[in-house]
């Protein structure tokens, strides 16, 4: 009985980590389709480390931090005007996110506020599948 309980706990931990890591890959995927003109110049200096962090094992909180770091390097010209009104509370929501579903919703919200001109043409084809997949994250 103890072995089964330990196995279930271990499975839950591994599933939690896998989903968080998967979530960070969705953040990385959006970033990889964002044009260089849409991000601040200093993003080139920090991107490699950020990518490595996205590939690492991540918790929902670390995914939220990765999302915040990416968003803070997106130029204002690359987002729709309403983002200025929502951004402060969105940042607060990222800072208080405790599960993958919350971070997935915040990621989809950021993406919805990025202008089409700021992403490459492949994103148009990938976007609907990307959103559908994110909506399954619990």
C-alpha atoms as a PDB file:
ATOM      1  CA  UNK A   1       0.000   0.000   0.000  1.00  0.00           C
ATOM      2  CA  UNK A   2       2.787   2.440   0.899  1.00  0.00           C
ATOM      3  CA  UNK A   3       4.524   1.646  -2.381  1.00  0.00           C
ATOM      4  CA  UNK A   4       1.378   2.501  -4.358  1.00  0.00           C
ATOM      5  CA  UNK A   5       0.941   5.772  -2.487  1.00  0.00           C
ATOM      6  CA  UNK A   6       4.591   6.715  -3.062  1.00  0.00           C
ATOM      7  CA  UNK A   7       4.251   5.803  -6.732  1.00  0.00           C
ATOM      8  CA  UNK A   8       1.154   8.015  -7.051  1.00  0.00           C
ATOM      9  CA  UNK A   9       2.919  10.906  -5.343  1.00  0.00           C
ATOM     10  CA  UNK A  10       5.951  10.525  -7.602  1.00  0.00           C
ATOM     11  CA  UNK A  11       3.714  10.327 -10.683  1.00  0.00           C
ATOM     12  CA  UNK A  12       1.886  13.490  -9.596  1.00  0.00           C
ATOM     13  CA  UNK A  13       5.155  15.362  -9.109  1.00  0.00           C
ATOM     14  CA  UNK A  14       6.500  14.237 -12.486  1.00  0.00           C
ATOM     15  CA  UNK A  15       3.240  15.136 -14.233  1.00  0.00           C
ATOM     16  CA  UNK A  16       3.235  18.569 -12.559  1.00  0.00           C
ATOM     17  CA  UNK A  17       6.837  19.180 -13.671  1.00  0.00           C
ATOM     18  CA  UNK A  18       6.157  17.918 -17.191  1.00  0.00           C
ATOM     19  CA  UNK A  19       3.162  20.220 -17.605  1.00  0.00           C
ATOM     20  CA  UNK A  20       5.150  23.207 -16.338  1.00  0.00           C
ATOM     21  CA  UNK A  21       8.013  22.397 -18.660  1.00  0.00           C
ATOM     22  CA  UNK A  22       5.532  21.955 -21.485  1.00  0.00           C
ATOM     23  CA  UNK A  23       4.054  25.354 -20.652  1.00  0.00           C
ATOM     24  CA  UNK A  24       7.441  27.029 -20.848  1.00  0.00           C
ATOM     25  CA  UNK A  25       7.830  25.526 -24.321  1.00  0.00           C
ATOM     26  CA  UNK A  26       4.640  27.308 -25.385  1.00  0.00           C
ATOM     27  CA  UNK A  27       6.101  30.579 -24.102  1.00  0.00           C
ATOM     28  CA  UNK A  28       9.264  29.872 -26.063  1.00  0.00           C
ATOM     29  CA  UNK A  29       7.220  29.027 -29.151  1.00  0.00           C
ATOM     30  CA  UNK A  30       5.432  32.392 -29.097  1.00  0.00           C
ATOM     31  CA  UNK A  31       8.727  34.184 -28.587  1.00  0.00           C
ATOM     32  CA  UNK A  32      10.340  32.300 -31.474  1.00  0.00           C
ATOM     33  CA  UNK A  33       7.633  33.565 -33.833  1.00  0.00           C
ATOM     34  CA  UNK A  34       7.955  37.148 -32.614  1.00  0.00           C
ATOM     35  CA  UNK A  35       9.967  39.329 -34.974  1.00  0.00           C
ATOM     36  CA  UNK A  36      13.211  40.922 -33.771  1.00  0.00           C
ATOM     37  CA  UNK A  37      11.782  44.339 -34.610  1.00  0.00           C
ATOM     38  CA  UNK A  38       9.058  43.724 -32.006  1.00  0.00           C
ATOM     39  CA  UNK A  39      11.447  43.272 -29.069  1.00  0.00           C
ATOM     40  CA  UNK A  40      13.834  45.595 -27.298  1.00  0.00           C
ATOM     41  CA  UNK A  41      17.448  45.678 -28.483  1.00  0.00           C
ATOM     42  CA  UNK A  42      18.740  44.188 -25.220  1.00  0.00           C
ATOM     43  CA  UNK A  43      16.658  41.017 -25.786  1.00  0.00           C
ATOM     44  CA  UNK A  44      19.448  39.721 -28.018  1.00  0.00           C
ATOM     45  CA  UNK A  45      21.791  39.841 -25.002  1.00  0.00           C
ATOM     46  CA  UNK A  46      19.535  37.927 -22.622  1.00  0.00           C
ATOM     47  CA  UNK A  47      17.641  35.636 -24.991  1.00  0.00           C
ATOM     48  CA  UNK A  48      20.060  32.671 -24.936  1.00  0.00           C
ATOM     49  CA  UNK A  49      19.899  32.372 -21.161  1.00  0.00           C
ATOM     50  CA  UNK A  50      16.129  32.857 -21.253  1.00  0.00           C
ATOM     51  CA  UNK A  51      15.778  30.057 -23.836  1.00  0.00           C
ATOM     52  CA  UNK A  52      17.833  27.737 -21.630  1.00  0.00           C
ATOM     53  CA  UNK A  53      15.575  28.588 -18.719  1.00  0.00           C
ATOM     54  CA  UNK A  54      12.532  27.757 -20.842  1.00  0.00           C
ATOM     55  CA  UNK A  55      14.007  24.352 -21.616  1.00  0.00           C
ATOM     56  CA  UNK A  56      14.690  23.571 -17.956  1.00  0.00           C
ATOM     57  CA  UNK A  57      12.285  21.996 -15.498  1.00  0.00           C
ATOM     58  CA  UNK A  58       9.915  24.775 -14.512  1.00  0.00           C
ATOM     59  CA  UNK A  59       7.225  25.330 -11.935  1.00  0.00           C
ATOM     60  CA  UNK A  60       4.147  27.432 -12.729  1.00  0.00           C
ATOM     61  CA  UNK A  61       5.782  30.316 -10.852  1.00  0.00           C
ATOM     62  CA  UNK A  62       8.996  30.106 -12.876  1.00  0.00           C
ATOM     63  CA  UNK A  63       6.953  29.891 -16.087  1.00  0.00           C
ATOM     64  CA  UNK A  64       5.163  33.068 -15.037  1.00  0.00           C
ATOM     65  CA  UNK A  65       8.540  34.750 -14.474  1.00  0.00           C
ATOM     66  CA  UNK A  66       9.731  33.650 -17.917  1.00  0.00           C
ATOM     67  CA  UNK A  67       6.530  35.024 -19.405  1.00  0.00           C
ATOM     68  CA  UNK A  68       7.029  38.322 -17.580  1.00  0.00           C
ATOM     69  CA  UNK A  69      10.609  38.563 -18.756  1.00  0.00           C
ATOM     70  CA  UNK A  70       9.570  38.037 -22.368  1.00  0.00           C
ATOM     71  CA  UNK A  71       6.681  40.504 -22.137  1.00  0.00           C
ATOM     72  CA  UNK A  72       8.860  43.179 -20.538  1.00  0.00           C
ATOM     73  CA  UNK A  73      11.071  43.071 -23.629  1.00  0.00           C
ATOM     74  CA  UNK A  74       8.262  43.493 -26.148  1.00  0.00           C
ATOM     75  CA  UNK A  75       8.124  46.988 -27.583  1.00  0.00           C
ATOM     76  CA  UNK A  76       4.992  49.061 -27.028  1.00  0.00           C
ATOM     77  CA  UNK A  77       4.651  49.401 -30.795  1.00  0.00           C
ATOM     78  CA  UNK A  78       4.237  45.599 -31.021  1.00  0.00           C
ATOM     79  CA  UNK A  79       1.144  45.422 -28.815  1.00  0.00           C
ATOM     80  CA  UNK A  80      -2.344  46.819 -29.238  1.00  0.00           C
ATOM     81  CA  UNK A  81      -3.228  50.055 -27.499  1.00  0.00           C
ATOM     82  CA  UNK A  82      -5.453  48.434 -24.856  1.00  0.00           C
ATOM     83  CA  UNK A  83      -2.485  46.487 -23.487  1.00  0.00           C
ATOM     84  CA  UNK A  84      -1.334  49.656 -21.715  1.00  0.00           C
ATOM     85  CA  UNK A  85      -4.547  49.583 -19.682  1.00  0.00           C
ATOM     86  CA  UNK A  86      -4.360  45.887 -18.792  1.00  0.00           C
ATOM     87  CA  UNK A  87      -0.612  45.434 -18.350  1.00  0.00           C
ATOM     88  CA  UNK A  88      -0.227  46.436 -14.690  1.00  0.00           C
ATOM     89  CA  UNK A  89      -2.911  44.050 -13.478  1.00  0.00           C
ATOM     90  CA  UNK A  90      -1.629  41.357 -15.888  1.00  0.00           C
ATOM     91  CA  UNK A  91       1.832  41.665 -14.303  1.00  0.00           C
ATOM     92  CA  UNK A  92       0.219  41.328 -10.868  1.00  0.00           C
ATOM     93  CA  UNK A  93      -1.675  38.260 -12.075  1.00  0.00           C
ATOM     94  CA  UNK A  94       1.600  36.741 -13.290  1.00  0.00           C
ATOM     95  CA  UNK A  95       3.241  37.438  -9.946  1.00  0.00           C
ATOM     96  CA  UNK A  96       0.438  35.665  -8.077  1.00  0.00           C
ATOM     97  CA  UNK A  97      -0.127  32.739 -10.486  1.00  0.00           C
ATOM     98  CA  UNK A  98       0.125  29.405  -8.699  1.00  0.00           C
ATOM     99  CA  UNK A  99      -0.815  26.838 -11.335  1.00  0.00           C
ATOM    100  CA  UNK A 100      -0.248  26.031 -14.974  1.00  0.00           C
ATOM    101  CA  UNK A 101      -3.793  26.846 -16.056  1.00  0.00           C
ATOM    102  CA  UNK A 102      -3.463  30.403 -14.734  1.00  0.00           C
ATOM    103  CA  UNK A 103      -0.150  30.919 -16.534  1.00  0.00           C
ATOM    104  CA  UNK A 104      -1.568  29.433 -19.749  1.00  0.00           C
ATOM    105  CA  UNK A 105      -4.447  31.935 -19.634  1.00  0.00           C
ATOM    106  CA  UNK A 106      -1.995  34.797 -19.069  1.00  0.00           C
ATOM    107  CA  UNK A 107       0.135  33.589 -21.979  1.00  0.00           C
ATOM    108  CA  UNK A 108      -2.890  33.470 -24.278  1.00  0.00           C
ATOM    109  CA  UNK A 109      -3.878  36.948 -23.135  1.00  0.00           C
ATOM    110  CA  UNK A 110      -0.446  38.353 -23.947  1.00  0.00           C
ATOM    111  CA  UNK A 111      -0.504  36.700 -27.357  1.00  0.00           C
ATOM    112  CA  UNK A 112      -3.945  38.148 -28.080  1.00  0.00           C
ATOM    113  CA  UNK A 113      -2.533  41.623 -27.454  1.00  0.00           C
ATOM    114  CA  UNK A 114       0.467  41.276 -29.753  1.00  0.00           C
ATOM    115  CA  UNK A 115      -0.055  42.885 -33.150  1.00  0.00           C
ATOM    116  CA  UNK A 116      -0.048  40.632 -36.226  1.00  0.00           C
ATOM    117  CA  UNK A 117       2.749  42.732 -37.683  1.00  0.00           C
ATOM    118  CA  UNK A 118       4.954  41.707 -34.737  1.00  0.00           C
ATOM    119  CA  UNK A 119       4.855  37.969 -35.506  1.00  0.00           C
ATOM    120  CA  UNK A 120       6.043  35.983 -38.500  1.00  0.00           C
ATOM    121  CA  UNK A 121       3.744  34.510 -41.135  1.00  0.00           C
ATOM    122  CA  UNK A 122       4.064  30.963 -39.796  1.00  0.00           C
ATOM    123  CA  UNK A 123       2.347  32.077 -36.589  1.00  0.00           C
ATOM    124  CA  UNK A 124      -0.893  32.664 -38.496  1.00  0.00           C
ATOM    125  CA  UNK A 125      -0.940  28.947 -39.336  1.00  0.00           C
ATOM    126  CA  UNK A 126       0.135  27.725 -35.886  1.00  0.00           C
ATOM    127  CA  UNK A 127      -1.924  30.047 -33.680  1.00  0.00           C
ATOM    128  CA  UNK A 128      -5.259  28.217 -33.515  1.00  0.00           C
ATOM    129  CA  UNK A 129      -3.599  24.882 -32.669  1.00  0.00           C
ATOM    130  CA  UNK A 130      -1.358  26.585 -30.105  1.00  0.00           C
ATOM    131  CA  UNK A 131      -4.395  28.116 -28.373  1.00  0.00           C
ATOM    132  CA  UNK A 132      -6.313  24.823 -28.450  1.00  0.00           C
ATOM    133  CA  UNK A 133      -3.354  23.020 -26.865  1.00  0.00           C
ATOM    134  CA  UNK A 134      -2.912  25.674 -24.166  1.00  0.00           C
ATOM    135  CA  UNK A 135      -6.584  25.417 -23.241  1.00  0.00           C
ATOM    136  CA  UNK A 136      -6.029  21.768 -22.268  1.00  0.00           C
ATOM    137  CA  UNK A 137      -3.388  22.615 -19.671  1.00  0.00           C
ATOM    138  CA  UNK A 138      -4.736  22.122 -16.184  1.00  0.00           C
END
